[in-house]
Each structure stands twice: as C-alpha cells, then as structure tokens.
C-alpha atoms as a PDB file:
ATOM      1  CA  UNK A   1     -10.307   8.905  20.378  1.00  0.00           C
ATOM      2  CA  UNK A   2      -9.492   5.212  20.254  1.00  0.00           C
ATOM      3  CA  UNK A   3      -8.720   4.157  16.706  1.00  0.00           C
ATOM      4  CA  UNK A   4      -9.739   0.885  15.096  1.00  0.00           C
ATOM      5  CA  UNK A   5      -6.727  -1.116  13.932  1.00  0.00           C
ATOM      6  CA  UNK A   6      -6.953  -2.530  10.423  1.00  0.00           C
ATOM      7  CA  UNK A   7      -5.012  -5.751  10.008  1.00  0.00           C
ATOM      8  CA  UNK A   8      -3.880  -7.071   6.614  1.00  0.00           C
ATOM      9  CA  UNK A   9      -6.020 -10.196   6.901  1.00  0.00           C
ATOM     10  CA  UNK A  10      -9.135  -8.003   7.277  1.00  0.00           C
ATOM     11  CA  UNK A  11      -9.027  -7.368   3.511  1.00  0.00           C
ATOM     12  CA  UNK A  12     -10.960 -10.338   2.152  1.00  0.00           C
ATOM     13  CA  UNK A  13     -12.073  -9.260  -1.326  1.00  0.00           C
ATOM     14  CA  UNK A  14     -11.081  -7.283  -4.404  1.00  0.00           C
ATOM     15  CA  UNK A  15     -13.469  -5.788  -6.951  1.00  0.00           C
ATOM     16  CA  UNK A  16     -13.153  -3.850 -10.182  1.00  0.00           C
ATOM     17  CA  UNK A  17     -15.408  -0.784 -10.446  1.00  0.00           C
ATOM     18  CA  UNK A  18     -16.259   1.441 -13.377  1.00  0.00           C
ATOM     19  CA  UNK A  19     -18.504   4.401 -14.149  1.00  0.00           C
ATOM     20  CA  UNK A  20     -19.789   5.601 -17.525  1.00  0.00           C
ATOM     21  CA  UNK A  21     -17.815   2.889 -19.344  1.00  0.00           C
ATOM     22  CA  UNK A  22     -14.536   4.227 -17.993  1.00  0.00           C
ATOM     23  CA  UNK A  23     -15.228   7.896 -18.718  1.00  0.00           C
ATOM     24  CA  UNK A  24     -14.600   8.926 -15.123  1.00  0.00           C
ATOM     25  CA  UNK A  25     -13.823   7.750 -11.604  1.00  0.00           C
ATOM     26  CA  UNK A  26     -16.294   5.503  -9.811  1.00  0.00           C
ATOM     27  CA  UNK A  27     -17.358   6.590  -6.309  1.00  0.00           C
ATOM     28  CA  UNK A  28     -14.930   9.527  -6.199  1.00  0.00           C
ATOM     29  CA  UNK A  29     -17.725  11.834  -5.017  1.00  0.00           C
ATOM     30  CA  UNK A  30     -17.610  10.272  -1.554  1.00  0.00           C
ATOM     31  CA  UNK A  31     -15.134  10.919   1.240  1.00  0.00           C
ATOM     32  CA  UNK A  32     -13.791   9.255   4.369  1.00  0.00           C
ATOM     33  CA  UNK A  33     -16.399   7.712   6.635  1.00  0.00           C
ATOM     34  CA  UNK A  34     -19.254   8.060   4.165  1.00  0.00           C
ATOM     35  CA  UNK A  35     -21.430   5.138   3.107  1.00  0.00           C
ATOM     36  CA  UNK A  36     -22.597   4.461  -0.442  1.00  0.00           C
ATOM     37  CA  UNK A  37     -24.185   1.790  -2.617  1.00  0.00           C
ATOM     38  CA  UNK A  38     -21.548  -0.524  -4.135  1.00  0.00           C
ATOM     39  CA  UNK A  39     -23.127  -2.088  -7.226  1.00  0.00           C
ATOM     40  CA  UNK A  40     -22.855  -5.468  -8.958  1.00  0.00           C
ATOM     41  CA  UNK A  41     -24.149  -6.530 -12.414  1.00  0.00           C
ATOM     42  CA  UNK A  42     -27.848  -7.434 -12.535  1.00  0.00           C
ATOM     43  CA  UNK A  43     -27.103 -11.075 -13.394  1.00  0.00           C
ATOM     44  CA  UNK A  44     -24.656 -11.472 -10.488  1.00  0.00           C
ATOM     45  CA  UNK A  45     -26.784 -11.283  -7.344  1.00  0.00           C
ATOM     46  CA  UNK A  46     -24.835 -14.197  -5.856  1.00  0.00           C
ATOM     47  CA  UNK A  47     -21.578 -12.301  -6.237  1.00  0.00           C
ATOM     48  CA  UNK A  48     -23.128  -9.289  -4.521  1.00  0.00           C
ATOM     49  CA  UNK A  49     -24.138 -11.451  -1.573  1.00  0.00           C
ATOM     50  CA  UNK A  50     -20.738 -13.164  -1.242  1.00  0.00           C
ATOM     51  CA  UNK A  51     -19.089 -10.702   1.175  1.00  0.00           C
ATOM     52  CA  UNK A  52     -20.178 -10.919   4.794  1.00  0.00           C
ATOM     53  CA  UNK A  53     -21.059  -7.893   6.865  1.00  0.00           C
ATOM     54  CA  UNK A  54     -17.891  -6.088   8.089  1.00  0.00           C
ATOM     55  CA  UNK A  55     -15.699  -7.660   5.386  1.00  0.00           C
ATOM     56  CA  UNK A  56     -13.253  -5.275   3.705  1.00  0.00           C
ATOM     57  CA  UNK A  57     -13.148  -4.947  -0.083  1.00  0.00           C
ATOM     58  CA  UNK A  58     -10.313  -3.415  -2.116  1.00  0.00           C
ATOM     59  CA  UNK A  59     -11.640  -1.442  -5.105  1.00  0.00           C
ATOM     60  CA  UNK A  60      -9.615  -0.767  -8.229  1.00  0.00           C
ATOM     61  CA  UNK A  61     -10.376   0.900 -11.547  1.00  0.00           C
ATOM     62  CA  UNK A  62      -8.858   1.985 -14.838  1.00  0.00           C
ATOM     63  CA  UNK A  63     -10.465   5.123 -16.262  1.00  0.00           C
ATOM     64  CA  UNK A  64      -9.780   6.006 -19.872  1.00  0.00           C
ATOM     65  CA  UNK A  65      -8.246   9.398 -19.095  1.00  0.00           C
ATOM     66  CA  UNK A  66      -6.696  11.172 -16.107  1.00  0.00           C
ATOM     67  CA  UNK A  67      -6.498  14.961 -16.169  1.00  0.00           C
ATOM     68  CA  UNK A  68      -6.981  14.986 -19.924  1.00  0.00           C
ATOM     69  CA  UNK A  69      -4.298  12.397 -20.673  1.00  0.00           C
ATOM     70  CA  UNK A  70      -4.764   8.788 -21.810  1.00  0.00           C
ATOM     71  CA  UNK A  71      -4.492   6.407 -18.875  1.00  0.00           C
ATOM     72  CA  UNK A  72      -2.842   2.987 -19.157  1.00  0.00           C
ATOM     73  CA  UNK A  73      -2.598   2.037 -15.485  1.00  0.00           C
ATOM     74  CA  UNK A  74      -4.911   0.354 -13.030  1.00  0.00           C
ATOM     75  CA  UNK A  75      -5.383   2.422  -9.864  1.00  0.00           C
ATOM     76  CA  UNK A  76      -6.215   1.304  -6.341  1.00  0.00           C
ATOM     77  CA  UNK A  77      -8.818   3.781  -5.098  1.00  0.00           C
ATOM     78  CA  UNK A  78     -10.798   2.556  -2.065  1.00  0.00           C
ATOM     79  CA  UNK A  79     -10.902   0.159   0.830  1.00  0.00           C
ATOM     80  CA  UNK A  80     -14.509  -0.210   1.954  1.00  0.00           C
ATOM     81  CA  UNK A  81     -16.277  -2.114   4.713  1.00  0.00           C
ATOM     82  CA  UNK A  82     -19.578  -3.906   4.048  1.00  0.00           C
ATOM     83  CA  UNK A  83     -22.272  -2.525   6.372  1.00  0.00           C
ATOM     84  CA  UNK A  84     -25.414  -4.327   5.147  1.00  0.00           C
ATOM     85  CA  UNK A  85     -26.347  -7.970   5.627  1.00  0.00           C
ATOM     86  CA  UNK A  86     -27.585  -8.784   2.137  1.00  0.00           C
ATOM     87  CA  UNK A  87     -27.855  -7.496  -1.413  1.00  0.00           C
ATOM     88  CA  UNK A  88     -30.694  -5.128  -2.237  1.00  0.00           C
ATOM     89  CA  UNK A  89     -32.183  -4.126  -5.598  1.00  0.00           C
ATOM     90  CA  UNK A  90     -31.642  -0.669  -7.050  1.00  0.00           C
ATOM     91  CA  UNK A  91     -34.283  -0.134  -9.703  1.00  0.00           C
ATOM     92  CA  UNK A  92     -32.563   3.033 -10.915  1.00  0.00           C
ATOM     93  CA  UNK A  93     -29.599   0.970 -12.164  1.00  0.00           C
ATOM     94  CA  UNK A  94     -31.013  -1.648 -14.545  1.00  0.00           C
ATOM     95  CA  UNK A  95     -27.574  -2.938 -15.626  1.00  0.00           C
ATOM     96  CA  UNK A  96     -26.115  -3.012 -12.110  1.00  0.00           C
ATOM     97  CA  UNK A  97     -29.189  -3.731 -10.062  1.00  0.00           C
ATOM     98  CA  UNK A  98     -27.713  -5.268  -6.932  1.00  0.00           C
ATOM     99  CA  UNK A  99     -25.901  -3.307  -4.267  1.00  0.00           C
ATOM    100  CA  UNK A 100     -24.485  -3.513  -0.768  1.00  0.00           C
ATOM    101  CA  UNK A 101     -24.080  -0.589   1.570  1.00  0.00           C
ATOM    102  CA  UNK A 102     -20.384  -0.010   2.246  1.00  0.00           C
ATOM    103  CA  UNK A 103     -18.416   2.468   4.342  1.00  0.00           C
ATOM    104  CA  UNK A 104     -15.153   4.076   3.213  1.00  0.00           C
ATOM    105  CA  UNK A 105     -12.176   2.987   5.325  1.00  0.00           C
ATOM    106  CA  UNK A 106      -9.585   4.550   3.025  1.00  0.00           C
ATOM    107  CA  UNK A 107      -9.765   6.516  -0.217  1.00  0.00           C
ATOM    108  CA  UNK A 108      -6.871   7.737  -2.349  1.00  0.00           C
ATOM    109  CA  UNK A 109      -6.514  11.510  -2.377  1.00  0.00           C
ATOM    110  CA  UNK A 110      -6.296  12.598  -5.119  1.00  0.00           C
ATOM    111  CA  UNK A 111      -8.188   9.632  -6.479  1.00  0.00           C
ATOM    112  CA  UNK A 112      -5.318   8.765  -8.879  1.00  0.00           C
ATOM    113  CA  UNK A 113      -2.728   8.690  -6.079  1.00  0.00           C
ATOM    114  CA  UNK A 114      -2.151   4.913  -6.007  1.00  0.00           C
ATOM    115  CA  UNK A 115      -1.357   3.561  -9.496  1.00  0.00           C
ATOM    116  CA  UNK A 116      -0.329  -0.061  -9.857  1.00  0.00           C
ATOM    117  CA  UNK A 117       3.299  -0.133  -8.605  1.00  0.00           C
ATOM    118  CA  UNK A 118       4.064  -2.273 -11.645  1.00  0.00           C
ATOM    119  CA  UNK A 119       4.163  -5.706 -10.071  1.00  0.00           C
ATOM    120  CA  UNK A 120       0.456  -6.433  -9.586  1.00  0.00           C
ATOM    121  CA  UNK A 121      -1.574  -8.407 -12.137  1.00  0.00           C
ATOM    122  CA  UNK A 122      -5.303  -7.626 -12.170  1.00  0.00           C
ATOM    123  CA  UNK A 123      -6.289 -10.165 -14.832  1.00  0.00           C
ATOM    124  CA  UNK A 124      -8.220 -12.559 -12.585  1.00  0.00           C
ATOM    125  CA  UNK A 125     -10.234 -10.018 -10.567  1.00  0.00           C
ATOM    126  CA  UNK A 126     -10.918  -7.763 -13.576  1.00  0.00           C
ATOM    127  CA  UNK A 127     -14.598  -8.726 -14.005  1.00  0.00           C
ATOM    128  CA  UNK A 128     -16.560  -6.457 -11.691  1.00  0.00           C
ATOM    129  CA  UNK A 129     -17.361  -9.388  -9.415  1.00  0.00           C
ATOM    130  CA  UNK A 130     -16.467 -10.246  -5.840  1.00  0.00           C
ATOM    131  CA  UNK A 131     -13.067 -11.925  -6.038  1.00  0.00           C
ATOM    132  CA  UNK A 132     -10.998 -13.357  -3.190  1.00  0.00           C
ATOM    133  CA  UNK A 133      -8.043 -11.053  -2.588  1.00  0.00           C
ATOM    134  CA  UNK A 134      -5.691 -13.945  -3.370  1.00  0.00           C
ATOM    135  CA  UNK A 135      -6.730 -13.559  -7.020  1.00  0.00           C
ATOM    136  CA  UNK A 136      -4.607 -10.401  -7.154  1.00  0.00           C
ATOM    137  CA  UNK A 137      -1.466 -11.716  -8.828  1.00  0.00           C
ATOM    138  CA  UNK A 138       2.041 -10.311  -8.571  1.00  0.00           C
ATOM    139  CA  UNK A 139       5.311 -10.748 -10.433  1.00  0.00           C
ATOM    140  CA  UNK A 140       7.749 -10.385  -7.524  1.00  0.00           C
ATOM    141  CA  UNK A 141       6.931 -13.520  -5.546  1.00  0.00           C
ATOM    142  CA  UNK A 142       5.064 -11.842  -2.709  1.00  0.00           C
ATOM    143  CA  UNK A 143       3.206 -14.216  -0.433  1.00  0.00           C
ATOM    144  CA  UNK A 144      -0.518 -13.714   0.179  1.00  0.00           C
ATOM    145  CA  UNK A 145       0.081 -11.952   3.496  1.00  0.00           C
ATOM    146  CA  UNK A 146       2.818  -9.750   1.986  1.00  0.00           C
ATOM    147  CA  UNK A 147       0.366  -8.630  -0.696  1.00  0.00           C
ATOM    148  CA  UNK A 148      -2.113  -7.596   1.993  1.00  0.00           C
ATOM    149  CA  UNK A 149       0.581  -5.815   3.993  1.00  0.00           C
ATOM    150  CA  UNK A 150       1.684  -3.976   0.872  1.00  0.00           C
ATOM    151  CA  UNK A 151      -1.874  -2.860   0.104  1.00  0.00           C
ATOM    152  CA  UNK A 152      -2.256  -1.416   3.587  1.00  0.00           C
ATOM    153  CA  UNK A 153       1.146   0.257   3.248  1.00  0.00           C
ATOM    154  CA  UNK A 154       0.033   1.909  -0.015  1.00  0.00           C
ATOM    155  CA  UNK A 155      -3.206   3.122   1.591  1.00  0.00           C
ATOM    156  CA  UNK A 156      -1.620   4.164   4.907  1.00  0.00           C
ATOM    157  CA  UNK A 157      -1.505   7.920   4.056  1.00  0.00           C
ATOM    158  CA  UNK A 158      -5.194   7.804   3.079  1.00  0.00           C
ATOM    159  CA  UNK A 159      -6.773   5.921   5.979  1.00  0.00           C
ATOM    160  CA  UNK A 160      -9.789   7.632   7.494  1.00  0.00           C
ATOM    161  CA  UNK A 161      -8.990   9.318  10.803  1.00  0.00           C
ATOM    162  CA  UNK A 162     -10.675   6.707  12.986  1.00  0.00           C
ATOM    163  CA  UNK A 163      -8.489   3.879  11.630  1.00  0.00           C
ATOM    164  CA  UNK A 164      -4.853   2.902  11.926  1.00  0.00           C
ATOM    165  CA  UNK A 165      -2.552   0.115  10.815  1.00  0.00           C
ATOM    166  CA  UNK A 166      -0.126  -1.495  13.187  1.00  0.00           C
ATOM    167  CA  UNK A 167       2.710  -3.304  11.493  1.00  0.00           C
ATOM    168  CA  UNK A 168       5.578  -5.000  13.269  1.00  0.00           C
ATOM    169  CA  UNK A 169       8.848  -3.195  12.542  1.00  0.00           C
ATOM    170  CA  UNK A 170       6.947  -0.434  10.703  1.00  0.00           C
ATOM    171  CA  UNK A 171       9.077   2.206  12.438  1.00  0.00           C
ATOM    172  CA  UNK A 172      12.420   0.838  11.279  1.00  0.00           C
ATOM    173  CA  UNK A 173      11.943  -0.689   7.832  1.00  0.00           C
ATOM    174  CA  UNK A 174      11.980   2.676   6.007  1.00  0.00           C
ATOM    175  CA  UNK A 175      15.612   3.539   6.674  1.00  0.00           C
ATOM    176  CA  UNK A 176      17.892   5.590   4.447  1.00  0.00           C
ATOM    177  CA  UNK A 177      19.698   4.161   1.447  1.00  0.00           C
ATOM    178  CA  UNK A 178      23.228   5.466   0.966  1.00  0.00           C
ATOM    179  CA  UNK A 179      24.381   6.380  -2.547  1.00  0.00           C
ATOM    180  CA  UNK A 180      27.781   5.280  -3.780  1.00  0.00           C
ATOM    181  CA  UNK A 181      30.335   7.150  -5.830  1.00  0.00           C
ATOM    182  CA  UNK A 182      32.038   5.631  -8.809  1.00  0.00           C
ATOM    183  CA  UNK A 183      32.069   5.329 -12.546  1.00  0.00           C
ATOM    184  CA  UNK A 184      29.055   5.742 -14.803  1.00  0.00           C
ATOM    185  CA  UNK A 185      27.997   2.083 -14.603  1.00  0.00           C
ATOM    186  CA  UNK A 186      28.035   2.103 -10.809  1.00  0.00           C
ATOM    187  CA  UNK A 187      26.079   5.344 -10.643  1.00  0.00           C
ATOM    188  CA  UNK A 188      23.480   3.946 -13.058  1.00  0.00           C
ATOM    189  CA  UNK A 189      23.231   0.719 -11.085  1.00  0.00           C
ATOM    190  CA  UNK A 190      22.717   2.627  -7.851  1.00  0.00           C
ATOM    191  CA  UNK A 191      20.145   4.892  -9.516  1.00  0.00           C
ATOM    192  CA  UNK A 192      18.117   1.809 -10.455  1.00  0.00           C
ATOM    193  CA  UNK A 193      18.523   0.392  -6.963  1.00  0.00           C
ATOM    194  CA  UNK A 194      17.139   3.626  -5.523  1.00  0.00           C
ATOM    195  CA  UNK A 195      14.209   3.404  -7.936  1.00  0.00           C
ATOM    196  CA  UNK A 196      13.552  -0.128  -6.751  1.00  0.00           C
ATOM    197  CA  UNK A 197      13.617   1.080  -3.169  1.00  0.00           C
ATOM    198  CA  UNK A 198      10.880   3.572  -4.006  1.00  0.00           C
ATOM    199  CA  UNK A 199       8.542   0.630  -4.584  1.00  0.00           C
ATOM    200  CA  UNK A 200       7.564  -1.723  -1.800  1.00  0.00           C
ATOM    201  CA  UNK A 201       9.840  -4.661  -2.454  1.00  0.00           C
ATOM    202  CA  UNK A 202      12.848  -3.377  -0.495  1.00  0.00           C
ATOM    203  CA  UNK A 203      10.549  -2.698   2.435  1.00  0.00           C
ATOM    204  CA  UNK A 204       9.276  -6.262   2.166  1.00  0.00           C
ATOM    205  CA  UNK A 205      12.789  -7.680   1.799  1.00  0.00           C
ATOM    206  CA  UNK A 206      13.806  -5.868   4.991  1.00  0.00           C
ATOM    207  CA  UNK A 207      10.716  -7.046   6.805  1.00  0.00           C
ATOM    208  CA  UNK A 208      11.471 -10.657   5.832  1.00  0.00           C
ATOM    209  CA  UNK A 209      14.976 -10.272   7.224  1.00  0.00           C
ATOM    210  CA  UNK A 210      13.739  -8.628  10.412  1.00  0.00           C
ATOM    211  CA  UNK A 211      11.121 -11.301  10.962  1.00  0.00           C
ATOM    212  CA  UNK A 212      13.502 -14.197  10.371  1.00  0.00           C
ATOM    213  CA  UNK A 213      16.278 -12.877  12.635  1.00  0.00           C
ATOM    214  CA  UNK A 214      14.555 -11.460  15.706  1.00  0.00           C
ATOM    215  CA  UNK A 215      14.392  -7.871  14.549  1.00  0.00           C
ATOM    216  CA  UNK A 216      17.946  -7.598  13.218  1.00  0.00           C
ATOM    217  CA  UNK A 217      19.246  -7.334   9.669  1.00  0.00           C
ATOM    218  CA  UNK A 218      22.682  -8.789   8.983  1.00  0.00           C
ATOM    219  CA  UNK A 219      24.786  -8.331   5.874  1.00  0.00           C
ATOM    220  CA  UNK A 220      24.298 -11.290   3.546  1.00  0.00           C
ATOM    221  CA  UNK A 221      27.995 -11.273   2.675  1.00  0.00           C
ATOM    222  CA  UNK A 222      29.934 -10.622   5.885  1.00  0.00           C
ATOM    223  CA  UNK A 223      27.294 -10.832   8.599  1.00  0.00           C
ATOM    224  CA  UNK A 224      27.816  -7.255   9.802  1.00  0.00           C
ATOM    225  CA  UNK A 225      25.070  -6.057  12.156  1.00  0.00           C
ATOM    226  CA  UNK A 226      24.634  -2.275  12.438  1.00  0.00           C
ATOM    227  CA  UNK A 227      22.813  -2.636  15.761  1.00  0.00           C
ATOM    228  CA  UNK A 228      25.781  -4.482  17.306  1.00  0.00           C
ATOM    229  CA  UNK A 229      28.082  -1.537  16.571  1.00  0.00           C
ATOM    230  CA  UNK A 230      25.754   1.475  16.646  1.00  0.00           C
ATOM    231  CA  UNK A 231      22.939   0.410  18.943  1.00  0.00           C
ATOM    232  CA  UNK A 232      19.461   1.872  18.215  1.00  0.00           C
ATOM    233  CA  UNK A 233      20.961   4.152  15.553  1.00  0.00           C
ATOM    234  CA  UNK A 234      21.539   1.073  13.394  1.00  0.00           C
ATOM    235  CA  UNK A 235      18.036  -0.391  13.747  1.00  0.00           C
ATOM    236  CA  UNK A 236      16.748  -1.577  10.395  1.00  0.00           C
ATOM    237  CA  UNK A 237      19.660  -0.058   8.485  1.00  0.00           C
ATOM    238  CA  UNK A 238      21.120  -2.029   5.606  1.00  0.00           C
ATOM    239  CA  UNK A 239      21.769  -1.218   1.970  1.00  0.00           C
ATOM    240  CA  UNK A 240      20.062  -3.047  -0.862  1.00  0.00           C
ATOM    241  CA  UNK A 241      21.895  -4.587  -3.819  1.00  0.00           C
ATOM    242  CA  UNK A 242      20.287  -5.655  -7.081  1.00  0.00           C
ATOM    243  CA  UNK A 243      21.760  -9.043  -7.944  1.00  0.00           C
ATOM    244  CA  UNK A 244      20.893  -8.998 -11.659  1.00  0.00           C
ATOM    245  CA  UNK A 245      23.546  -7.108 -13.688  1.00  0.00           C
ATOM    246  CA  UNK A 246      22.428  -4.176 -15.811  1.00  0.00           C
ATOM    247  CA  UNK A 247      23.825  -5.868 -18.891  1.00  0.00           C
ATOM    248  CA  UNK A 248      21.045  -8.434 -18.712  1.00  0.00           C
ATOM    249  CA  UNK A 249      18.434  -5.733 -19.263  1.00  0.00           C
ATOM    250  CA  UNK A 250      15.378  -4.562 -17.370  1.00  0.00           C
ATOM    251  CA  UNK A 251      12.879  -7.061 -16.005  1.00  0.00           C
ATOM    252  CA  UNK A 252      10.337  -7.479 -13.257  1.00  0.00           C
ATOM    253  CA  UNK A 253      12.289  -7.456 -10.006  1.00  0.00           C
ATOM    254  CA  UNK A 254      11.447 -10.080  -7.409  1.00  0.00           C
ATOM    255  CA  UNK A 255      12.198  -9.872  -3.715  1.00  0.00           C
ATOM    256  CA  UNK A 256      14.629 -12.738  -4.219  1.00  0.00           C
ATOM    257  CA  UNK A 257      16.551 -10.600  -6.746  1.00  0.00           C
ATOM    258  CA  UNK A 258      17.610  -8.269  -3.927  1.00  0.00           C
ATOM    259  CA  UNK A 259      20.343  -8.696  -1.335  1.00  0.00           C
ATOM    260  CA  UNK A 260      20.694  -6.767   1.913  1.00  0.00           C
ATOM    261  CA  UNK A 261      24.344  -5.884   2.438  1.00  0.00           C
ATOM    262  CA  UNK A 262      26.447  -3.523   4.526  1.00  0.00           C
ATOM    263  CA  UNK A 263      28.012  -0.421   3.009  1.00  0.00           C
ATOM    264  CA  UNK A 264      31.491  -1.962   2.665  1.00  0.00           C
ATOM    265  CA  UNK A 265      30.297  -5.143   0.992  1.00  0.00           C
ATOM    266  CA  UNK A 266      28.032  -3.122  -1.277  1.00  0.00           C
ATOM    267  CA  UNK A 267      31.048  -1.163  -2.489  1.00  0.00           C
ATOM    268  CA  UNK A 268      33.017  -4.378  -3.059  1.00  0.00           C
ATOM    269  CA  UNK A 269      30.106  -5.824  -5.065  1.00  0.00           C
ATOM    270  CA  UNK A 270      30.438  -2.837  -7.392  1.00  0.00           C
ATOM    271  CA  UNK A 271      34.233  -3.129  -7.709  1.00  0.00           C
ATOM    272  CA  UNK A 272      35.395  -4.763 -10.931  1.00  0.00           C
ATOM    273  CA  UNK A 273      37.424  -7.934 -10.559  1.00  0.00           C
ATOM    274  CA  UNK A 274      37.907  -8.417 -14.311  1.00  0.00           C
ATOM    275  CA  UNK A 275      36.596  -6.927 -17.520  1.00  0.00           C
ATOM    276  CA  UNK A 276      32.866  -6.347 -16.929  1.00  0.00           C
ATOM    277  CA  UNK A 277      32.912  -8.855 -14.075  1.00  0.00           C
ATOM    278  CA  UNK A 278      31.921  -8.318 -10.472  1.00  0.00           C
ATOM    279  CA  UNK A 279      31.585 -10.447  -7.401  1.00  0.00           C
ATOM    280  CA  UNK A 280      28.259 -12.089  -6.722  1.00  0.00           C
ATOM    281  CA  UNK A 281      26.837 -12.309  -3.211  1.00  0.00           C
ATOM    282  CA  UNK A 282      28.022 -15.916  -3.038  1.00  0.00           C
ATOM    283  CA  UNK A 283      31.536 -15.319  -4.350  1.00  0.00           C
ATOM    284  CA  UNK A 284      32.129 -12.298  -2.113  1.00  0.00           C
ATOM    285  CA  UNK A 285      30.887 -14.259   0.895  1.00  0.00           C
ATOM    286  CA  UNK A 286      33.294 -17.077   0.025  1.00  0.00           C
ATOM    287  CA  UNK A 287      36.150 -14.594  -0.360  1.00  0.00           C
ATOM    288  CA  UNK A 288      35.420 -13.149   3.083  1.00  0.00           C
ATOM    289  CA  UNK A 289      35.331 -16.612   4.690  1.00  0.00           C
ATOM    290  CA  UNK A 290      38.608 -17.563   3.063  1.00  0.00           C
ATOM    291  CA  UNK A 291      40.238 -14.290   4.045  1.00  0.00           C
ATOM    292  CA  UNK A 292      39.149 -14.670   7.656  1.00  0.00           C
ATOM    293  CA  UNK A 293      40.538 -18.175   7.825  1.00  0.00           C
ATOM    294  CA  UNK A 294      43.847 -17.319   6.170  1.00  0.00           C
ATOM    295  CA  UNK A 295      46.884 -18.056   8.447  1.00  0.00           C
ATOM    296  CA  UNK A 296      48.079 -14.452   8.648  1.00  0.00           C
ATOM    297  CA  UNK A 297      44.626 -13.401   9.909  1.00  0.00           C
ATOM    298  CA  UNK A 298      44.447 -15.979  12.650  1.00  0.00           C
END
C-alpha cells in the first residue's frame, strides 16, 4: 500500500480541546482513521470555519487527572485532517454548537503518551479556538519549521498506518551518545547532557549541523569529521556538550546552548584547567589552533 507522506508544513493549526471541564480526555474514544465532530464554542462560528478542507490541526489538552493523579502538564494528543468544507451546527451541544468533520492522522497511544517536552508554551493557543501553529511558543529558540518537524517527530510512533513522515537525515540524527568517566561533577554533567539528549533539541542541533554542512557534522573545536575516518559508520555521530556550567543552575536549554564536539574534545572540555574552571568551546578551539601552529608541530 502506498503511504501518504505528511510534511511538517502540512500542520497549519493548533487547537485546545477539553471534555467535561477537564474531567477526562477529549476524543480519546476514537482511533486511527476514524472521523469525528471537532467542536468550537457556539459564539465562534468564524473560528470553526477558518481551517480549509484537508488542513491539519494539532490538538492538545490538559485534563485535571491522569490515572488518578493530579496532572500539571499539557499533552499533545491528536493530529487531525479537516474533511468537511464548512462548519455545521450540532444542536445537541448548545455550548459548542459548531463542528467540522475531521479524520485522525495520528493519535497518542496511550492518550497521555506525549506530554509537553518542557520547552513549549501554550499560552497563546490556549483558548479553544483555531490558532495558527506559529502561535505555539517555545523557549529553546526553535524556528517555525523546526517546531513543526519536532511535532511530527513526537507523533511519529503514533501515525496511522496509511501515513508516513519523510525527514532528511532522519536515519542518522539519532546516533549514540558516549558516556564519559571521571569525577562526580563530570558524571553529573554528563547525566544532564544525556537527559537533554532525550528531548528533541540535540536531534535538532544535529539536523542544523547536517543541513548547513552537506550532511556532515564536524567537531566545533577541532573540526574532526567521523565520516572522514570511519566512513558510513561515522554518519551523524558526534557528542553533545552543554555549554552552561552546572554551577550556574538549571534553566531552559536552547539549541544554541549546545555544542557538537568529538569524543576527545569533549573529554578536554571536562578537564579542569584551574580551580572550578574549564575550557569553553572558544578557548579550546583557540588552544588547538595555537598548538597546531606551534613551531615544533610544523
């Protein structure tokens, strides 16, 4: 069966949904490929008619409880495709009278499977209306297209069987991250770096590097290229270093806070050069340049 490819730019809208004032999950009774009535408030017919037929809408919700425990996170739950041409009245829903027929393209399974990764801000689209997807804010400096790519990445395991996503470099951006040995501070730093990798920002940082350098990732300190030395085995491989020291405390991590470095440079970045001092990406790069140009290395 030929599958329909979903591209990031196909997702045009984002909408908050709710059922029973947050006492449950909205539209969780449906499954892949099914169609249902997506409702809008009675006073917002214009918002219901905003999406065009075939547009994709990202649905999110924040139920009060999940499995008997208080819930504090917004969850992404559905990507749906509009299948009707205009809004129709539903007299059985006096408070949310207007609806469009939509088809499920992807649905989280279980429904709580995609919580906010922590860097999305749902303040603007949190009104139950049809909002442009660009109103989904983020704290890690993702561009509009990177946001859309990330959404598809999060939903990839839950796409309905007749759909697929095709992302450039998708087969090489999820490469292994090597742990380092060392003292307690280094181990803690690496633990946090591995946590960061579990989100999407390392994937996006690698994709930026791949896109800007013809499918290769080079160490930001020394320029080492794993592909040059190891061939296909080295495709997409590079370690990720968090540039903000632990001593400065936890904060929202931006893509620009990460550096892609080879294993050797990563170890040198974690090697103390003075009391509680370490090389930065810039200072280690300068050291390498100076060392290479030293007379006894010429």
